[in-house]
C-alpha atoms as a PDB file:
ATOM      1  CA  MET A   1     -13.306  -4.626  -4.708  1.00  0.00           C
ATOM      2  CA  SER A   2     -13.812  -4.075  -8.364  1.00  0.00           C
ATOM      3  CA  SER A   3     -15.350  -6.666 -10.639  1.00  0.00           C
ATOM      4  CA  HIS A   4     -13.578  -5.127 -13.655  1.00  0.00           C
ATOM      5  CA  PRO A   5     -10.288  -6.504 -14.997  1.00  0.00           C
ATOM      6  CA  PRO A   6      -7.355  -4.730 -13.319  1.00  0.00           C
ATOM      7  CA  ILE A   7      -5.624  -1.937 -15.207  1.00  0.00           C
ATOM      8  CA  ALA A   8      -2.443  -2.714 -13.281  1.00  0.00           C
ATOM      9  CA  VAL A   9      -1.449  -5.042 -10.448  1.00  0.00           C
ATOM     10  CA  THR A  10       0.728  -4.516  -7.400  1.00  0.00           C
ATOM     11  CA  GLN A  11       4.389  -5.427  -7.273  1.00  0.00           C
ATOM     12  CA  GLU A  12       5.727  -6.982  -4.072  1.00  0.00           C
ATOM     13  CA  CYS A  13       6.753  -4.359  -1.527  1.00  0.00           C
ATOM     14  CA  SER A  14       8.377  -5.399   1.760  1.00  0.00           C
ATOM     15  CA  PHE A  15       8.117  -3.238   4.871  1.00  0.00           C
ATOM     16  CA  CYS A  16       8.279  -3.234   8.652  1.00  0.00           C
ATOM     17  CA  ALA A  17      11.956  -4.012   9.226  1.00  0.00           C
ATOM     18  CA  PRO A  18      12.793  -3.159  12.833  1.00  0.00           C
ATOM     19  CA  ASP A  19      16.040  -5.188  12.761  1.00  0.00           C
ATOM     20  CA  GLY A  20      16.768  -4.946   9.053  1.00  0.00           C
ATOM     21  CA  ASP A  21      14.750  -8.059   8.172  1.00  0.00           C
ATOM     22  CA  PHE A  22      11.405  -7.361   6.549  1.00  0.00           C
ATOM     23  CA  MET A  23       8.496  -8.830   8.489  1.00  0.00           C
ATOM     24  CA  LEU A  24       5.632  -7.951   6.142  1.00  0.00           C
ATOM     25  CA  ALA A  25       5.041  -7.494   2.419  1.00  0.00           C
ATOM     26  CA  VAL A  26       2.316  -6.414   0.048  1.00  0.00           C
ATOM     27  CA  LYS A  27       1.503  -9.369  -2.187  1.00  0.00           C
ATOM     28  CA  ALA A  28       2.323  -9.009  -5.877  1.00  0.00           C
ATOM     29  CA  GLY A  29      -0.453  -9.411  -8.439  1.00  0.00           C
ATOM     30  CA  MET A  30      -3.310  -7.735  -6.583  1.00  0.00           C
ATOM     31  CA  PRO A  31      -5.415  -5.203  -8.528  1.00  0.00           C
ATOM     32  CA  VAL A  32      -4.091  -1.703  -7.904  1.00  0.00           C
ATOM     33  CA  SER A  33      -7.664  -0.455  -7.410  1.00  0.00           C
ATOM     34  CA  ASP A  34      -8.088  -2.849  -4.454  1.00  0.00           C
ATOM     35  CA  ALA A  35      -4.773  -1.779  -2.911  1.00  0.00           C
ATOM     36  CA  LEU A  36      -5.656   1.912  -3.277  1.00  0.00           C
ATOM     37  CA  GLU A  37      -9.089   1.328  -1.760  1.00  0.00           C
ATOM     38  CA  GLN A  38      -7.441  -0.348   1.244  1.00  0.00           C
ATOM     39  CA  ALA A  39      -4.916   2.499   1.545  1.00  0.00           C
ATOM     40  CA  SER A  40      -7.762   5.026   1.591  1.00  0.00           C
ATOM     41  CA  THR A  41      -9.541   3.092   4.336  1.00  0.00           C
ATOM     42  CA  LEU A  42      -6.353   2.910   6.412  1.00  0.00           C
ATOM     43  CA  LEU A  43      -5.780   6.665   6.011  1.00  0.00           C
ATOM     44  CA  GLY A  44      -9.279   7.285   7.364  1.00  0.00           C
ATOM     45  CA  HIS A  45      -8.469   5.274  10.474  1.00  0.00           C
ATOM     46  CA  ILE A  46      -5.103   6.993  10.858  1.00  0.00           C
ATOM     47  CA  THR A  47      -6.760  10.408  10.704  1.00  0.00           C
ATOM     48  CA  ARG A  48      -9.093   9.482  13.559  1.00  0.00           C
ATOM     49  CA  LEU A  49      -6.236   8.025  15.637  1.00  0.00           C
ATOM     50  CA  ALA A  50      -4.079  11.102  15.061  1.00  0.00           C
ATOM     51  CA  MET A  51      -6.769  13.303  16.636  1.00  0.00           C
ATOM     52  CA  ASP A  52      -6.428  11.448  19.946  1.00  0.00           C
ATOM     53  CA  ASP A  53      -3.581  12.350  22.311  1.00  0.00           C
ATOM     54  CA  ASN A  54      -2.796   8.793  23.385  1.00  0.00           C
ATOM     55  CA  GLU A  55       0.595   7.045  23.072  1.00  0.00           C
ATOM     56  CA  GLN A  56      -0.942   3.707  22.062  1.00  0.00           C
ATOM     57  CA  ASN A  57      -3.010   5.380  19.351  1.00  0.00           C
ATOM     58  CA  ARG A  58       0.100   7.146  18.010  1.00  0.00           C
ATOM     59  CA  THR A  59       1.927   3.804  17.859  1.00  0.00           C
ATOM     60  CA  THR A  60      -1.033   2.237  16.074  1.00  0.00           C
ATOM     61  CA  ALA A  61      -1.191   5.170  13.653  1.00  0.00           C
ATOM     62  CA  GLN A  62       2.529   4.754  12.859  1.00  0.00           C
ATOM     63  CA  TYR A  63       2.017   1.035  12.144  1.00  0.00           C
ATOM     64  CA  LEU A  64      -0.970   1.782   9.903  1.00  0.00           C
ATOM     65  CA  LEU A  65       1.006   4.483   8.086  1.00  0.00           C
ATOM     66  CA  GLU A  66       3.736   1.934   7.282  1.00  0.00           C
ATOM     67  CA  ASN A  67       1.059  -0.416   5.892  1.00  0.00           C
ATOM     68  CA  THR A  68      -0.506   2.377   3.857  1.00  0.00           C
ATOM     69  CA  LYS A  69       2.836   3.494   2.427  1.00  0.00           C
ATOM     70  CA  ALA A  70       3.599  -0.090   1.389  1.00  0.00           C
ATOM     71  CA  LEU A  71       0.227  -0.357  -0.374  1.00  0.00           C
ATOM     72  CA  LEU A  72       0.863   2.905  -2.216  1.00  0.00           C
ATOM     73  CA  ASP A  73       4.452   1.936  -3.126  1.00  0.00           C
ATOM     74  CA  ALA A  74       3.325  -1.474  -4.417  1.00  0.00           C
ATOM     75  CA  SER A  75       0.553   0.166  -6.434  1.00  0.00           C
ATOM     76  CA  LEU A  76       2.904   2.728  -7.954  1.00  0.00           C
ATOM     77  CA  ALA A  77       5.410   0.020  -8.845  1.00  0.00           C
ATOM     78  CA  GLY A  78       2.625  -1.902 -10.593  1.00  0.00           C
ATOM     79  CA  ILE A  79       1.494   1.170 -12.519  1.00  0.00           C
ATOM     80  CA  TRP A  80       5.076   2.027 -13.517  1.00  0.00           C
ATOM     81  CA  GLU A  81       5.642  -1.554 -14.680  1.00  0.00           C
ATOM     82  CA  LYS A  82       2.477  -1.402 -16.799  1.00  0.00           C
ATOM     83  CA  GLU A  83       3.552   1.945 -18.288  1.00  0.00           C
ATOM     84  CA  LYS A  84       7.031   0.590 -19.023  1.00  0.00           C
ATOM     85  CA  LEU A  85       5.594  -2.448 -20.810  1.00  0.00           C
ATOM     86  CA  ALA A  86       3.198  -0.240 -22.775  1.00  0.00           C
ATOM     87  CA  SER A  87       6.030   2.041 -23.923  1.00  0.00           C
ATOM     88  CA  GLU A  88       8.123  -0.966 -25.034  1.00  0.00           C
ATOM     89  CA  VAL A  89       5.272  -2.191 -27.258  1.00  0.00           C
ATOM     90  CA  ARG A  90       5.137   1.116 -29.161  1.00  0.00           C
END
């Protein structure tokens, strides 16, 4: 986690909707750098799980991929919001 002020913060991003109702969400307002750091860590775990030919590990990898995608989507939304606000000020 960075001790510097955030350049941008995450926007809420819901995911994991097996029946159409979202069960999980990335919290809005978190520093994008923290979310990207977490996404990188999750991708490292997914890579290791993907090397193993085990059904449970594949299911776990899929779950972690959904989490990682949500972190990346929330981070991108935060960056785009910051860019939009910056362009409106000009």
